[in-house]
C-alpha atoms as a PDB file:
ATOM      1  CA  UNK A   1     -51.724 -47.797 -34.852  1.00  0.00           C
ATOM      2  CA  UNK A   2     -52.208 -46.343 -31.394  1.00  0.00           C
ATOM      3  CA  UNK A   3     -55.365 -47.231 -29.465  1.00  0.00           C
ATOM      4  CA  UNK A   4     -57.847 -44.784 -27.961  1.00  0.00           C
ATOM      5  CA  UNK A   5     -56.380 -42.864 -25.036  1.00  0.00           C
ATOM      6  CA  UNK A   6     -58.042 -43.295 -21.665  1.00  0.00           C
ATOM      7  CA  UNK A   7     -56.899 -41.023 -18.883  1.00  0.00           C
ATOM      8  CA  UNK A   8     -58.556 -42.209 -15.699  1.00  0.00           C
ATOM      9  CA  UNK A   9     -61.583 -44.452 -15.405  1.00  0.00           C
ATOM     10  CA  UNK A  10     -64.830 -42.964 -14.114  1.00  0.00           C
ATOM     11  CA  UNK A  11     -63.504 -39.597 -12.861  1.00  0.00           C
ATOM     12  CA  UNK A  12     -64.240 -37.239 -15.743  1.00  0.00           C
ATOM     13  CA  UNK A  13     -66.304 -34.188 -14.771  1.00  0.00           C
ATOM     14  CA  UNK A  14     -68.000 -33.858 -18.187  1.00  0.00           C
ATOM     15  CA  UNK A  15     -71.792 -33.470 -17.989  1.00  0.00           C
ATOM     16  CA  UNK A  16     -74.372 -33.075 -20.733  1.00  0.00           C
ATOM     17  CA  UNK A  17     -77.932 -31.816 -20.346  1.00  0.00           C
ATOM     18  CA  UNK A  18     -79.603 -33.450 -23.360  1.00  0.00           C
ATOM     19  CA  UNK A  19     -82.800 -31.463 -22.760  1.00  0.00           C
ATOM     20  CA  UNK A  20     -80.865 -28.252 -23.452  1.00  0.00           C
ATOM     21  CA  UNK A  21     -78.944 -29.618 -26.468  1.00  0.00           C
ATOM     22  CA  UNK A  22     -80.091 -28.277 -29.850  1.00  0.00           C
ATOM     23  CA  UNK A  23     -78.077 -30.773 -31.899  1.00  0.00           C
ATOM     24  CA  UNK A  24     -75.840 -28.214 -33.619  1.00  0.00           C
ATOM     25  CA  UNK A  25     -72.825 -30.562 -33.511  1.00  0.00           C
ATOM     26  CA  UNK A  26     -70.260 -27.894 -32.623  1.00  0.00           C
ATOM     27  CA  UNK A  27     -69.104 -29.959 -29.646  1.00  0.00           C
ATOM     28  CA  UNK A  28     -68.257 -32.832 -31.981  1.00  0.00           C
ATOM     29  CA  UNK A  29     -66.153 -30.535 -34.139  1.00  0.00           C
ATOM     30  CA  UNK A  30     -64.092 -29.089 -31.290  1.00  0.00           C
ATOM     31  CA  UNK A  31     -63.574 -32.229 -29.188  1.00  0.00           C
ATOM     32  CA  UNK A  32     -60.029 -33.515 -29.822  1.00  0.00           C
ATOM     33  CA  UNK A  33     -60.842 -37.077 -28.729  1.00  0.00           C
ATOM     34  CA  UNK A  34     -64.281 -37.787 -30.230  1.00  0.00           C
ATOM     35  CA  UNK A  35     -65.881 -38.047 -26.803  1.00  0.00           C
ATOM     36  CA  UNK A  36     -69.292 -36.926 -28.085  1.00  0.00           C
ATOM     37  CA  UNK A  37     -71.593 -38.118 -30.840  1.00  0.00           C
ATOM     38  CA  UNK A  38     -75.002 -37.163 -32.241  1.00  0.00           C
ATOM     39  CA  UNK A  39     -77.934 -39.476 -31.758  1.00  0.00           C
ATOM     40  CA  UNK A  40     -81.560 -38.702 -32.577  1.00  0.00           C
ATOM     41  CA  UNK A  41     -80.776 -35.031 -33.084  1.00  0.00           C
ATOM     42  CA  UNK A  42     -78.926 -34.379 -29.812  1.00  0.00           C
ATOM     43  CA  UNK A  43     -75.410 -34.861 -28.523  1.00  0.00           C
ATOM     44  CA  UNK A  44     -74.535 -37.757 -26.275  1.00  0.00           C
ATOM     45  CA  UNK A  45     -71.403 -38.732 -24.404  1.00  0.00           C
ATOM     46  CA  UNK A  46     -70.036 -41.673 -26.368  1.00  0.00           C
ATOM     47  CA  UNK A  47     -66.675 -42.180 -24.649  1.00  0.00           C
ATOM     48  CA  UNK A  48     -66.517 -40.358 -21.313  1.00  0.00           C
ATOM     49  CA  UNK A  49     -63.179 -41.846 -20.234  1.00  0.00           C
ATOM     50  CA  UNK A  50     -61.444 -40.434 -23.333  1.00  0.00           C
ATOM     51  CA  UNK A  51     -62.261 -36.876 -22.217  1.00  0.00           C
ATOM     52  CA  UNK A  52     -59.172 -34.870 -21.258  1.00  0.00           C
ATOM     53  CA  UNK A  53     -61.325 -32.117 -19.727  1.00  0.00           C
ATOM     54  CA  UNK A  54     -59.988 -29.390 -22.009  1.00  0.00           C
ATOM     55  CA  UNK A  55     -63.362 -27.602 -21.934  1.00  0.00           C
ATOM     56  CA  UNK A  56     -63.604 -26.919 -25.675  1.00  0.00           C
ATOM     57  CA  UNK A  57     -67.064 -28.495 -25.909  1.00  0.00           C
ATOM     58  CA  UNK A  58     -68.504 -26.463 -23.030  1.00  0.00           C
ATOM     59  CA  UNK A  59     -66.925 -23.200 -24.207  1.00  0.00           C
ATOM     60  CA  UNK A  60     -68.352 -23.623 -27.693  1.00  0.00           C
ATOM     61  CA  UNK A  61     -71.837 -24.886 -26.827  1.00  0.00           C
ATOM     62  CA  UNK A  62     -74.295 -22.110 -27.763  1.00  0.00           C
ATOM     63  CA  UNK A  63     -76.899 -23.260 -25.216  1.00  0.00           C
ATOM     64  CA  UNK A  64     -74.619 -24.298 -22.323  1.00  0.00           C
ATOM     65  CA  UNK A  65     -75.749 -27.927 -22.503  1.00  0.00           C
ATOM     66  CA  UNK A  66     -72.244 -29.135 -21.642  1.00  0.00           C
ATOM     67  CA  UNK A  67     -70.183 -28.520 -18.539  1.00  0.00           C
ATOM     68  CA  UNK A  68     -66.759 -29.723 -17.463  1.00  0.00           C
ATOM     69  CA  UNK A  69     -64.354 -28.650 -14.765  1.00  0.00           C
ATOM     70  CA  UNK A  70     -61.347 -27.836 -16.906  1.00  0.00           C
ATOM     71  CA  UNK A  71     -57.894 -28.351 -15.516  1.00  0.00           C
ATOM     72  CA  UNK A  72     -58.753 -31.124 -13.080  1.00  0.00           C
ATOM     73  CA  UNK A  73     -58.059 -34.031 -15.410  1.00  0.00           C
ATOM     74  CA  UNK A  74     -54.923 -35.486 -16.855  1.00  0.00           C
ATOM     75  CA  UNK A  75     -54.507 -32.593 -19.257  1.00  0.00           C
ATOM     76  CA  UNK A  76     -53.584 -30.476 -16.236  1.00  0.00           C
ATOM     77  CA  UNK A  77     -51.160 -33.149 -15.026  1.00  0.00           C
ATOM     78  CA  UNK A  78     -49.407 -33.336 -18.383  1.00  0.00           C
ATOM     79  CA  UNK A  79     -49.171 -29.541 -18.704  1.00  0.00           C
ATOM     80  CA  UNK A  80     -47.952 -29.083 -15.119  1.00  0.00           C
ATOM     81  CA  UNK A  81     -45.353 -31.796 -15.626  1.00  0.00           C
ATOM     82  CA  UNK A  82     -44.113 -30.159 -18.841  1.00  0.00           C
ATOM     83  CA  UNK A  83     -43.855 -26.838 -16.992  1.00  0.00           C
ATOM     84  CA  UNK A  84     -41.684 -28.483 -14.339  1.00  0.00           C
ATOM     85  CA  UNK A  85     -44.216 -28.163 -11.542  1.00  0.00           C
ATOM     86  CA  UNK A  86     -43.878 -30.801  -8.843  1.00  0.00           C
ATOM     87  CA  UNK A  87     -47.630 -31.183  -8.282  1.00  0.00           C
ATOM     88  CA  UNK A  88     -48.652 -32.888 -11.501  1.00  0.00           C
ATOM     89  CA  UNK A  89     -51.346 -35.201 -10.155  1.00  0.00           C
ATOM     90  CA  UNK A  90     -55.085 -35.063 -10.745  1.00  0.00           C
ATOM     91  CA  UNK A  91     -57.957 -34.771  -8.344  1.00  0.00           C
ATOM     92  CA  UNK A  92     -61.210 -36.674  -8.766  1.00  0.00           C
ATOM     93  CA  UNK A  93     -64.421 -34.640  -8.714  1.00  0.00           C
ATOM     94  CA  UNK A  94     -65.607 -36.733  -5.762  1.00  0.00           C
ATOM     95  CA  UNK A  95     -62.498 -36.084  -3.681  1.00  0.00           C
ATOM     96  CA  UNK A  96     -62.962 -34.846  -0.192  1.00  0.00           C
ATOM     97  CA  UNK A  97     -60.388 -32.310   0.837  1.00  0.00           C
ATOM     98  CA  UNK A  98     -59.380 -31.217   4.277  1.00  0.00           C
ATOM     99  CA  UNK A  99     -60.090 -27.652   3.190  1.00  0.00           C
ATOM    100  CA  UNK A 100     -63.677 -28.531   2.251  1.00  0.00           C
ATOM    101  CA  UNK A 101     -62.996 -27.945  -1.447  1.00  0.00           C
ATOM    102  CA  UNK A 102     -62.885 -30.500  -4.259  1.00  0.00           C
ATOM    103  CA  UNK A 103     -59.491 -29.432  -5.592  1.00  0.00           C
ATOM    104  CA  UNK A 104     -56.179 -28.075  -4.447  1.00  0.00           C
ATOM    105  CA  UNK A 105     -53.085 -29.248  -2.642  1.00  0.00           C
ATOM    106  CA  UNK A 106     -54.952 -30.707   0.331  1.00  0.00           C
ATOM    107  CA  UNK A 107     -57.030 -33.286  -1.578  1.00  0.00           C
ATOM    108  CA  UNK A 108     -57.156 -36.594   0.267  1.00  0.00           C
ATOM    109  CA  UNK A 109     -58.020 -38.724  -2.772  1.00  0.00           C
ATOM    110  CA  UNK A 110     -55.342 -37.585  -5.195  1.00  0.00           C
ATOM    111  CA  UNK A 111     -54.321 -40.096  -7.823  1.00  0.00           C
ATOM    112  CA  UNK A 112     -51.322 -40.100 -10.084  1.00  0.00           C
ATOM    113  CA  UNK A 113     -52.244 -40.121 -13.717  1.00  0.00           C
ATOM    114  CA  UNK A 114     -50.830 -40.410 -17.177  1.00  0.00           C
END
């Protein structure tokens, strides 16, 4: 049996505003890696490092309690690699870029992933 996938430690952009969460559980249904769980009637991030930043939870949250910068995690690296693109690395949300942005080809803190 394969263990739980972990993409990169402590770089996932997933955020949850528990005050906004209504406990509907839709995020749990759409998350492919069981990153979220319900506790005391609201969602909580149970396994942040398993998040592949696909954005399904945020797109399906009826009250916008979840946010994630899709395409910056390893999912983007895997997809870009499969498409034959040479730039298949990820960029941490805390990266400082020479262009003043937190993503793109000029990121100083790029890391290879997957």
